[in-house]
């Protein structure tokens, strides 16, 4: 709810009514929501929209509702927000990296959706004035920081998108950032994610310590709940 996306697939009837209302100009095309299309121009179930709430608003509500059931979990979530995300993939990656180790994460401080103004030299490599880092990690080395880019398949599978990503990465590298591009398959595969974790620690100049058995158990539980199809979160029935 604090991110700038939603996952929703309208049924055929709702889609027809939506298309008709737009064609008759009864409502504007986006209504504050913009549907993301894949590289072939097909509609996806991912939509861009303004955040519904801020972490500050959630924290304020939790303070007012102190003592009510669920408030501790609500406060827990608000305290662990690292910024605004734009896709389920970014949420999943952010939680796997930033949550404390005893809660299944790597315990690394991150910031989401960070605006990075490009230098004149970087703009000559990538024709933009700024970039937004999906996940930024402060580095204790000479690097400006480690940027994790979540490469979603629908937005990055075309040749043009790959070229744009390459130019963007080169521009950021020229400014001293370490850029690591991550796919969903890499975070879903546990062995692959372990190697990514080591790489992140190395690039950020952070000491890497293998997880204990208890921390591994917490990570397994987190991965089981986190790495699911986002579209099914609100359609699945209650557990029997």
C-alpha atoms as a PDB file:
ATOM      1  CA  UNK A   1       0.000   0.000   0.000  1.00  0.00           C
ATOM      2  CA  UNK A   2       2.980   2.301   0.459  1.00  0.00           C
ATOM      3  CA  UNK A   3       4.449   1.383  -2.920  1.00  0.00           C
ATOM      4  CA  UNK A   4       3.629   2.828  -6.333  1.00  0.00           C
ATOM      5  CA  UNK A   5       2.163  -0.314  -7.863  1.00  0.00           C
ATOM      6  CA  UNK A   6      -0.748  -2.712  -7.690  1.00  0.00           C
ATOM      7  CA  UNK A   7      -1.289  -6.205  -9.066  1.00  0.00           C
ATOM      8  CA  UNK A   8      -4.739  -6.677 -10.561  1.00  0.00           C
ATOM      9  CA  UNK A   9      -6.256  -8.578 -13.476  1.00  0.00           C
ATOM     10  CA  UNK A  10      -9.790  -7.374 -14.288  1.00  0.00           C
ATOM     11  CA  UNK A  11     -12.273 -10.026 -15.357  1.00  0.00           C
ATOM     12  CA  UNK A  12     -13.455  -9.905 -18.980  1.00  0.00           C
ATOM     13  CA  UNK A  13     -16.683  -8.109 -18.075  1.00  0.00           C
ATOM     14  CA  UNK A  14     -14.870  -5.481 -16.007  1.00  0.00           C
ATOM     15  CA  UNK A  15     -12.336  -5.006 -18.822  1.00  0.00           C
ATOM     16  CA  UNK A  16     -15.126  -4.452 -21.360  1.00  0.00           C
ATOM     17  CA  UNK A  17     -16.833  -1.903 -19.118  1.00  0.00           C
ATOM     18  CA  UNK A  18     -13.544  -0.146 -18.480  1.00  0.00           C
ATOM     19  CA  UNK A  19     -12.716   0.016 -22.190  1.00  0.00           C
ATOM     20  CA  UNK A  20     -16.213   1.284 -22.982  1.00  0.00           C
ATOM     21  CA  UNK A  21     -16.083   3.996 -20.300  1.00  0.00           C
ATOM     22  CA  UNK A  22     -12.724   5.175 -21.610  1.00  0.00           C
ATOM     23  CA  UNK A  23     -13.861   5.178 -25.253  1.00  0.00           C
ATOM     24  CA  UNK A  24     -16.935   7.244 -24.335  1.00  0.00           C
ATOM     25  CA  UNK A  25     -14.653   9.588 -22.374  1.00  0.00           C
ATOM     26  CA  UNK A  26     -16.647   8.999 -19.208  1.00  0.00           C
ATOM     27  CA  UNK A  27     -13.366   8.518 -17.377  1.00  0.00           C
ATOM     28  CA  UNK A  28      -9.766   9.432 -18.339  1.00  0.00           C
ATOM     29  CA  UNK A  29      -7.677   6.569 -19.775  1.00  0.00           C
ATOM     30  CA  UNK A  30      -5.647   5.925 -16.614  1.00  0.00           C
ATOM     31  CA  UNK A  31      -7.749   7.286 -13.750  1.00  0.00           C
ATOM     32  CA  UNK A  32      -4.568   7.530 -11.713  1.00  0.00           C
ATOM     33  CA  UNK A  33      -3.642   3.950 -12.675  1.00  0.00           C
ATOM     34  CA  UNK A  34      -1.382   3.109 -15.615  1.00  0.00           C
ATOM     35  CA  UNK A  35      -1.194  -0.469 -16.811  1.00  0.00           C
ATOM     36  CA  UNK A  36       2.297  -1.825 -17.459  1.00  0.00           C
ATOM     37  CA  UNK A  37       2.710  -3.566 -20.805  1.00  0.00           C
ATOM     38  CA  UNK A  38       5.351  -6.124 -21.706  1.00  0.00           C
ATOM     39  CA  UNK A  39       7.952  -5.712 -24.433  1.00  0.00           C
ATOM     40  CA  UNK A  40       5.431  -6.926 -27.034  1.00  0.00           C
ATOM     41  CA  UNK A  41       2.818  -4.362 -26.024  1.00  0.00           C
ATOM     42  CA  UNK A  42       0.585  -6.839 -24.192  1.00  0.00           C
ATOM     43  CA  UNK A  43      -1.179  -5.856 -20.979  1.00  0.00           C
ATOM     44  CA  UNK A  44       0.247  -7.281 -17.767  1.00  0.00           C
ATOM     45  CA  UNK A  45      -1.349  -7.527 -14.318  1.00  0.00           C
ATOM     46  CA  UNK A  46       1.035  -4.865 -12.967  1.00  0.00           C
ATOM     47  CA  UNK A  47      -0.230  -1.278 -12.650  1.00  0.00           C
ATOM     48  CA  UNK A  48       1.462   1.970 -11.672  1.00  0.00           C
ATOM     49  CA  UNK A  49      -0.402   4.118  -9.184  1.00  0.00           C
ATOM     50  CA  UNK A  50       0.290   6.630  -6.458  1.00  0.00           C
ATOM     51  CA  UNK A  51       1.049   5.184  -2.999  1.00  0.00           C
ATOM     52  CA  UNK A  52      -2.086   4.834  -0.877  1.00  0.00           C
ATOM     53  CA  UNK A  53      -0.316   5.412   2.429  1.00  0.00           C
ATOM     54  CA  UNK A  54       3.050   6.496   3.802  1.00  0.00           C
ATOM     55  CA  UNK A  55       5.077   4.789   6.507  1.00  0.00           C
ATOM     56  CA  UNK A  56       4.550   7.880   8.661  1.00  0.00           C
ATOM     57  CA  UNK A  57       0.780   7.579   8.366  1.00  0.00           C
ATOM     58  CA  UNK A  58       0.910   3.909   9.329  1.00  0.00           C
ATOM     59  CA  UNK A  59       3.108   4.676  12.326  1.00  0.00           C
ATOM     60  CA  UNK A  60       0.757   7.464  13.447  1.00  0.00           C
ATOM     61  CA  UNK A  61      -2.236   5.136  13.164  1.00  0.00           C
ATOM     62  CA  UNK A  62      -0.420   2.391  15.072  1.00  0.00           C
ATOM     63  CA  UNK A  63       0.278   4.853  17.881  1.00  0.00           C
ATOM     64  CA  UNK A  64      -3.390   5.826  18.092  1.00  0.00           C
ATOM     65  CA  UNK A  65      -4.498   2.197  17.950  1.00  0.00           C
ATOM     66  CA  UNK A  66      -2.042   1.038  20.606  1.00  0.00           C
ATOM     67  CA  UNK A  67      -3.293  -2.106  22.312  1.00  0.00           C
ATOM     68  CA  UNK A  68      -5.482  -3.327  19.472  1.00  0.00           C
ATOM     69  CA  UNK A  69      -4.907  -6.702  17.869  1.00  0.00           C
ATOM     70  CA  UNK A  70      -2.375  -6.618  15.023  1.00  0.00           C
ATOM     71  CA  UNK A  71      -0.843  -3.249  15.908  1.00  0.00           C
ATOM     72  CA  UNK A  72       2.544  -4.769  16.769  1.00  0.00           C
ATOM     73  CA  UNK A  73       2.760  -6.396  13.342  1.00  0.00           C
ATOM     74  CA  UNK A  74       1.697  -3.143  11.691  1.00  0.00           C
ATOM     75  CA  UNK A  75       4.382  -1.193  13.546  1.00  0.00           C
ATOM     76  CA  UNK A  76       6.925  -3.906  12.687  1.00  0.00           C
ATOM     77  CA  UNK A  77       6.169  -3.484   8.972  1.00  0.00           C
ATOM     78  CA  UNK A  78       6.319   0.321   9.058  1.00  0.00           C
ATOM     79  CA  UNK A  79       9.662   0.315  10.873  1.00  0.00           C
ATOM     80  CA  UNK A  80      11.218  -1.946   8.238  1.00  0.00           C
ATOM     81  CA  UNK A  81      10.168   0.046   5.190  1.00  0.00           C
ATOM     82  CA  UNK A  82      13.180   1.288   3.238  1.00  0.00           C
ATOM     83  CA  UNK A  83      11.391   3.498   0.741  1.00  0.00           C
ATOM     84  CA  UNK A  84       8.992   3.261  -2.160  1.00  0.00           C
ATOM     85  CA  UNK A  85       9.061   0.193  -4.393  1.00  0.00           C
ATOM     86  CA  UNK A  86       7.542  -0.171  -7.857  1.00  0.00           C
ATOM     87  CA  UNK A  87       6.998  -3.923  -8.237  1.00  0.00           C
ATOM     88  CA  UNK A  88       6.512  -7.141  -6.234  1.00  0.00           C
ATOM     89  CA  UNK A  89      10.002  -8.234  -7.301  1.00  0.00           C
ATOM     90  CA  UNK A  90      11.538  -5.160  -5.651  1.00  0.00           C
ATOM     91  CA  UNK A  91       9.576  -5.835  -2.454  1.00  0.00           C
ATOM     92  CA  UNK A  92      10.715  -9.458  -2.340  1.00  0.00           C
ATOM     93  CA  UNK A  93      14.369  -8.619  -3.004  1.00  0.00           C
ATOM     94  CA  UNK A  94      14.342  -5.747  -0.506  1.00  0.00           C
ATOM     95  CA  UNK A  95      12.964  -7.919   2.283  1.00  0.00           C
ATOM     96  CA  UNK A  96      15.399 -10.766   1.631  1.00  0.00           C
ATOM     97  CA  UNK A  97      18.280  -8.311   1.898  1.00  0.00           C
ATOM     98  CA  UNK A  98      17.188  -5.823   4.542  1.00  0.00           C
ATOM     99  CA  UNK A  99      15.317  -7.825   7.187  1.00  0.00           C
ATOM    100  CA  UNK A 100      17.401  -8.752  10.246  1.00  0.00           C
ATOM    101  CA  UNK A 101      19.205 -12.092  10.002  1.00  0.00           C
ATOM    102  CA  UNK A 102      17.093 -13.639  12.751  1.00  0.00           C
ATOM    103  CA  UNK A 103      14.012 -12.768  10.670  1.00  0.00           C
ATOM    104  CA  UNK A 104      15.332 -14.389   7.494  1.00  0.00           C
ATOM    105  CA  UNK A 105      17.097 -11.488   5.766  1.00  0.00           C
ATOM    106  CA  UNK A 106      20.717 -10.441   5.359  1.00  0.00           C
ATOM    107  CA  UNK A 107      20.510  -7.533   7.795  1.00  0.00           C
ATOM    108  CA  UNK A 108      21.861  -4.985   5.290  1.00  0.00           C
ATOM    109  CA  UNK A 109      20.626  -1.381   5.390  1.00  0.00           C
ATOM    110  CA  UNK A 110      19.091  -0.342   2.063  1.00  0.00           C
ATOM    111  CA  UNK A 111      17.118   2.510   0.523  1.00  0.00           C
ATOM    112  CA  UNK A 112      14.564   2.013  -2.235  1.00  0.00           C
ATOM    113  CA  UNK A 113      13.920   4.126  -5.320  1.00  0.00           C
ATOM    114  CA  UNK A 114      16.775   6.594  -4.796  1.00  0.00           C
ATOM    115  CA  UNK A 115      17.075   9.458  -7.290  1.00  0.00           C
ATOM    116  CA  UNK A 116      20.620   9.776  -8.621  1.00  0.00           C
ATOM    117  CA  UNK A 117      21.390  12.929 -10.681  1.00  0.00           C
ATOM    118  CA  UNK A 118      23.739  12.065 -13.539  1.00  0.00           C
ATOM    119  CA  UNK A 119      26.982  13.921 -14.133  1.00  0.00           C
ATOM    120  CA  UNK A 120      27.667  15.563 -17.485  1.00  0.00           C
ATOM    121  CA  UNK A 121      29.876  12.643 -18.509  1.00  0.00           C
ATOM    122  CA  UNK A 122      27.236  10.112 -17.442  1.00  0.00           C
ATOM    123  CA  UNK A 123      24.555  11.983 -19.417  1.00  0.00           C
ATOM    124  CA  UNK A 124      26.685  11.595 -22.535  1.00  0.00           C
ATOM    125  CA  UNK A 125      26.536   7.820 -21.987  1.00  0.00           C
ATOM    126  CA  UNK A 126      22.835   7.664 -21.103  1.00  0.00           C
ATOM    127  CA  UNK A 127      20.547  10.387 -22.428  1.00  0.00           C
ATOM    128  CA  UNK A 128      18.818  11.163 -19.127  1.00  0.00           C
ATOM    129  CA  UNK A 129      19.308  13.724 -16.384  1.00  0.00           C
ATOM    130  CA  UNK A 130      18.891  11.219 -13.552  1.00  0.00           C
ATOM    131  CA  UNK A 131      18.376   7.572 -12.686  1.00  0.00           C
ATOM    132  CA  UNK A 132      16.437   5.857  -9.928  1.00  0.00           C
ATOM    133  CA  UNK A 133      18.163   3.042  -8.090  1.00  0.00           C
ATOM    134  CA  UNK A 134      15.813   0.159  -7.250  1.00  0.00           C
ATOM    135  CA  UNK A 135      17.904  -0.657  -4.182  1.00  0.00           C
ATOM    136  CA  UNK A 136      20.878   1.394  -2.966  1.00  0.00           C
ATOM    137  CA  UNK A 137      23.364   0.124  -0.396  1.00  0.00           C
ATOM    138  CA  UNK A 138      25.938   2.439   1.142  1.00  0.00           C
ATOM    139  CA  UNK A 139      29.481   1.160   0.649  1.00  0.00           C
ATOM    140  CA  UNK A 140      32.422   1.244   3.036  1.00  0.00           C
ATOM    141  CA  UNK A 141      34.817   1.048   0.065  1.00  0.00           C
ATOM    142  CA  UNK A 142      35.748   3.782  -2.416  1.00  0.00           C
ATOM    143  CA  UNK A 143      32.559   3.018  -4.350  1.00  0.00           C
ATOM    144  CA  UNK A 144      29.732   5.568  -4.409  1.00  0.00           C
ATOM    145  CA  UNK A 145      27.460   2.721  -3.387  1.00  0.00           C
ATOM    146  CA  UNK A 146      26.073  -0.607  -4.566  1.00  0.00           C
ATOM    147  CA  UNK A 147      22.969  -0.461  -6.757  1.00  0.00           C
ATOM    148  CA  UNK A 148      20.788  -3.542  -7.131  1.00  0.00           C
ATOM    149  CA  UNK A 149      18.646  -3.478 -10.255  1.00  0.00           C
ATOM    150  CA  UNK A 150      15.645  -5.810 -10.286  1.00  0.00           C
ATOM    151  CA  UNK A 151      15.391  -6.990 -13.889  1.00  0.00           C
ATOM    152  CA  UNK A 152      11.734  -7.868 -14.408  1.00  0.00           C
ATOM    153  CA  UNK A 153      11.148 -10.042 -17.451  1.00  0.00           C
ATOM    154  CA  UNK A 154       8.242  -8.060 -18.936  1.00  0.00           C
ATOM    155  CA  UNK A 155      10.220  -4.817 -19.035  1.00  0.00           C
ATOM    156  CA  UNK A 156      13.700  -6.041 -19.929  1.00  0.00           C
ATOM    157  CA  UNK A 157      13.363  -8.835 -22.481  1.00  0.00           C
ATOM    158  CA  UNK A 158      13.557  -6.799 -25.677  1.00  0.00           C
ATOM    159  CA  UNK A 159      16.752  -5.840 -27.482  1.00  0.00           C
ATOM    160  CA  UNK A 160      15.977  -2.130 -27.072  1.00  0.00           C
ATOM    161  CA  UNK A 161      15.421  -2.556 -23.323  1.00  0.00           C
ATOM    162  CA  UNK A 162      18.694  -4.468 -22.990  1.00  0.00           C
ATOM    163  CA  UNK A 163      20.584  -1.704 -24.777  1.00  0.00           C
ATOM    164  CA  UNK A 164      18.993   0.918 -22.546  1.00  0.00           C
ATOM    165  CA  UNK A 165      19.912  -1.076 -19.435  1.00  0.00           C
ATOM    166  CA  UNK A 166      23.495  -1.387 -20.659  1.00  0.00           C
ATOM    167  CA  UNK A 167      23.803   2.370 -21.280  1.00  0.00           C
ATOM    168  CA  UNK A 168      22.297   3.108 -17.869  1.00  0.00           C
ATOM    169  CA  UNK A 169      24.670   0.712 -16.124  1.00  0.00           C
ATOM    170  CA  UNK A 170      27.678   2.196 -17.911  1.00  0.00           C
ATOM    171  CA  UNK A 171      26.612   5.720 -16.938  1.00  0.00           C
ATOM    172  CA  UNK A 172      26.246   4.785 -13.264  1.00  0.00           C
ATOM    173  CA  UNK A 173      29.536   2.871 -13.315  1.00  0.00           C
ATOM    174  CA  UNK A 174      31.284   5.947 -14.718  1.00  0.00           C
ATOM    175  CA  UNK A 175      30.139   7.835 -11.611  1.00  0.00           C
ATOM    176  CA  UNK A 176      31.656   5.235  -9.285  1.00  0.00           C
ATOM    177  CA  UNK A 177      28.646   3.032  -8.504  1.00  0.00           C
ATOM    178  CA  UNK A 178      28.772  -0.762  -8.467  1.00  0.00           C
ATOM    179  CA  UNK A 179      25.703  -2.056 -10.302  1.00  0.00           C
ATOM    180  CA  UNK A 180      24.419  -5.603  -9.786  1.00  0.00           C
ATOM    181  CA  UNK A 181      21.560  -6.726 -12.011  1.00  0.00           C
ATOM    182  CA  UNK A 182      19.338  -9.360 -10.426  1.00  0.00           C
ATOM    183  CA  UNK A 183      16.624 -11.545 -11.942  1.00  0.00           C
ATOM    184  CA  UNK A 184      13.753 -13.163 -10.085  1.00  0.00           C
ATOM    185  CA  UNK A 185      15.147 -16.597 -10.921  1.00  0.00           C
ATOM    186  CA  UNK A 186      18.363 -15.693  -9.137  1.00  0.00           C
ATOM    187  CA  UNK A 187      16.665 -14.747  -5.897  1.00  0.00           C
ATOM    188  CA  UNK A 188      14.227 -17.660  -6.059  1.00  0.00           C
ATOM    189  CA  UNK A 189      17.032 -20.204  -6.350  1.00  0.00           C
ATOM    190  CA  UNK A 190      18.519 -20.449  -2.882  1.00  0.00           C
ATOM    191  CA  UNK A 191      22.038 -21.397  -3.987  1.00  0.00           C
ATOM    192  CA  UNK A 192      22.087 -18.575  -6.519  1.00  0.00           C
ATOM    193  CA  UNK A 193      20.896 -16.069  -3.920  1.00  0.00           C
ATOM    194  CA  UNK A 194      23.654 -17.180  -1.540  1.00  0.00           C
ATOM    195  CA  UNK A 195      26.223 -16.231  -4.186  1.00  0.00           C
ATOM    196  CA  UNK A 196      24.472 -12.883  -4.728  1.00  0.00           C
ATOM    197  CA  UNK A 197      24.617 -12.278  -0.968  1.00  0.00           C
ATOM    198  CA  UNK A 198      28.376 -12.863  -0.971  1.00  0.00           C
ATOM    199  CA  UNK A 199      28.788 -10.543  -3.969  1.00  0.00           C
ATOM    200  CA  UNK A 200      26.792  -7.768  -2.298  1.00  0.00           C
ATOM    201  CA  UNK A 201      28.892  -7.993   0.849  1.00  0.00           C
ATOM    202  CA  UNK A 202      32.103  -7.960  -1.196  1.00  0.00           C
ATOM    203  CA  UNK A 203      31.109  -4.942  -3.318  1.00  0.00           C
ATOM    204  CA  UNK A 204      29.840  -2.994  -0.299  1.00  0.00           C
ATOM    205  CA  UNK A 205      32.917  -3.814   1.784  1.00  0.00           C
ATOM    206  CA  UNK A 206      30.836  -5.603   4.410  1.00  0.00           C
ATOM    207  CA  UNK A 207      32.073  -8.640   6.339  1.00  0.00           C
ATOM    208  CA  UNK A 208      30.306 -11.803   5.189  1.00  0.00           C
ATOM    209  CA  UNK A 209      29.399 -14.392   7.794  1.00  0.00           C
ATOM    210  CA  UNK A 210      27.537 -17.566   6.786  1.00  0.00           C
ATOM    211  CA  UNK A 211      24.171 -17.931   8.482  1.00  0.00           C
ATOM    212  CA  UNK A 212      23.682 -20.124  11.489  1.00  0.00           C
ATOM    213  CA  UNK A 213      21.276 -23.063  11.439  1.00  0.00           C
ATOM    214  CA  UNK A 214      18.660 -20.959  13.246  1.00  0.00           C
ATOM    215  CA  UNK A 215      19.074 -18.090  10.775  1.00  0.00           C
ATOM    216  CA  UNK A 216      18.755 -20.529   7.870  1.00  0.00           C
ATOM    217  CA  UNK A 217      15.509 -21.828   9.313  1.00  0.00           C
ATOM    218  CA  UNK A 218      14.193 -18.269   9.575  1.00  0.00           C
ATOM    219  CA  UNK A 219      15.236 -17.629   5.964  1.00  0.00           C
ATOM    220  CA  UNK A 220      13.446 -20.770   4.744  1.00  0.00           C
ATOM    221  CA  UNK A 221      10.251 -19.641   6.470  1.00  0.00           C
ATOM    222  CA  UNK A 222      10.567 -16.143   4.977  1.00  0.00           C
ATOM    223  CA  UNK A 223      11.206 -17.446   1.462  1.00  0.00           C
ATOM    224  CA  UNK A 224       8.191 -19.751   1.661  1.00  0.00           C
ATOM    225  CA  UNK A 225       5.882 -16.832   2.469  1.00  0.00           C
ATOM    226  CA  UNK A 226       7.587 -14.211   0.318  1.00  0.00           C
ATOM    227  CA  UNK A 227       8.405 -15.875  -3.009  1.00  0.00           C
ATOM    228  CA  UNK A 228       4.850 -16.442  -4.182  1.00  0.00           C
ATOM    229  CA  UNK A 229       2.758 -15.293  -7.118  1.00  0.00           C
ATOM    230  CA  UNK A 230       1.619 -11.823  -6.081  1.00  0.00           C
ATOM    231  CA  UNK A 231      -1.604 -12.164  -8.076  1.00  0.00           C
ATOM    232  CA  UNK A 232      -2.679 -15.058  -5.852  1.00  0.00           C
ATOM    233  CA  UNK A 233      -2.215 -13.240  -2.531  1.00  0.00           C
ATOM    234  CA  UNK A 234      -5.746 -11.824  -2.508  1.00  0.00           C
ATOM    235  CA  UNK A 235      -7.536 -14.584  -4.436  1.00  0.00           C
ATOM    236  CA  UNK A 236      -6.515 -17.604  -2.388  1.00  0.00           C
ATOM    237  CA  UNK A 237      -9.122 -18.874   0.040  1.00  0.00           C
ATOM    238  CA  UNK A 238      -8.546 -19.412   3.767  1.00  0.00           C
ATOM    239  CA  UNK A 239      -6.301 -22.281   4.743  1.00  0.00           C
ATOM    240  CA  UNK A 240      -8.194 -25.447   5.572  1.00  0.00           C
END
